Amino acid sequence: MSSCELVTLVSALACSIAKTFTKDETALLAAIFTQLGDTLATIDASDAINNCNDKDEG
């Protein structure tokens, strides 16, 4: 899937969610997905640092 296709898919999904759920529900979903993205970024950054430290020790 190209980056443009991915952006289109995500936008279509957001529009569908906005039409289906209440404003309170979409606000909660937005917060959940933001936390999910931030947590994944934290895990990746932590793994990168730990892998770098492992190489330095080896």
Protein backbone atom coordinates (compact mmCIF):
# COMPACT_ATOMS: atom_id res chain seq x y z
CA MET A 1 0.00 0.00 0.00
CA SER A 2 1.40 3.39 -0.95
CA SER A 3 1.58 6.29 1.49
CA CYS A 4 -1.18 8.13 -0.41
CA GLU A 5 -3.41 5.06 -0.25
CA LEU A 6 -2.75 4.75 3.47
CA VAL A 7 -3.63 8.41 4.07
CA THR A 8 -6.83 7.99 2.07
CA LEU A 9 -7.76 4.87 4.03
CA VAL A 10 -7.17 6.56 7.39
CA SER A 11 -9.19 9.61 6.33
CA ALA A 12 -12.08 7.45 5.12
CA LEU A 13 -12.00 5.52 8.39
CA ALA A 14 -12.06 8.76 10.40
CA CYS A 15 -15.07 10.01 8.42
CA SER A 16 -16.87 6.71 8.92
CA ILE A 17 -16.20 6.76 12.66
CA ALA A 18 -17.40 10.38 12.90
CA LYS A 19 -20.66 9.47 11.15
CA THR A 20 -21.23 6.36 13.28
CA PHE A 21 -20.35 7.44 16.82
CA THR A 22 -21.30 10.35 19.06
CA LYS A 23 -18.93 13.25 19.67
CA ASP A 24 -18.13 11.87 23.13
CA GLU A 25 -17.38 8.44 21.68
CA THR A 26 -15.17 9.87 18.94
CA ALA A 27 -13.32 11.97 21.50
CA LEU A 28 -12.64 8.83 23.52
CA LEU A 29 -11.52 6.91 20.43
CA ALA A 30 -9.21 9.78 19.48
CA ALA A 31 -7.65 9.72 22.94
CA ILE A 32 -7.25 5.94 22.81
CA PHE A 33 -5.58 6.00 19.39
CA THR A 34 -3.31 8.87 20.44
CA GLN A 35 -2.21 6.93 23.51
CA LEU A 36 -1.70 3.82 21.38
CA GLY A 37 0.51 5.72 18.94
CA ASP A 38 2.50 7.37 21.73
CA THR A 39 2.99 4.06 23.52
CA LEU A 40 4.19 2.36 20.32
CA ALA A 41 6.63 5.23 19.74
CA THR A 42 7.89 4.90 23.32
CA ILE A 43 8.41 1.16 22.91
CA ASP A 44 10.29 1.67 19.63
CA ALA A 45 12.50 4.39 21.12
CA SER A 46 13.24 2.29 24.18
CA ASP A 47 14.10 -0.73 22.04
CA ALA A 48 16.39 1.39 19.86
CA ILE A 49 18.24 2.74 22.90
CA ASN A 50 18.52 -0.70 24.48
CA ASN A 51 19.77 -2.25 21.22
CA CYS A 52 22.33 0.53 20.91
CA ASN A 53 23.48 -0.02 24.50
CA ASP A 54 23.70 -3.77 23.91
CA LYS A 55 26.05 -3.19 20.96
CA ASP A 56 28.20 -0.84 23.03
CA GLU A 57 28.57 -3.47 25.76
CA GLY A 58 29.35 -6.30 23.36
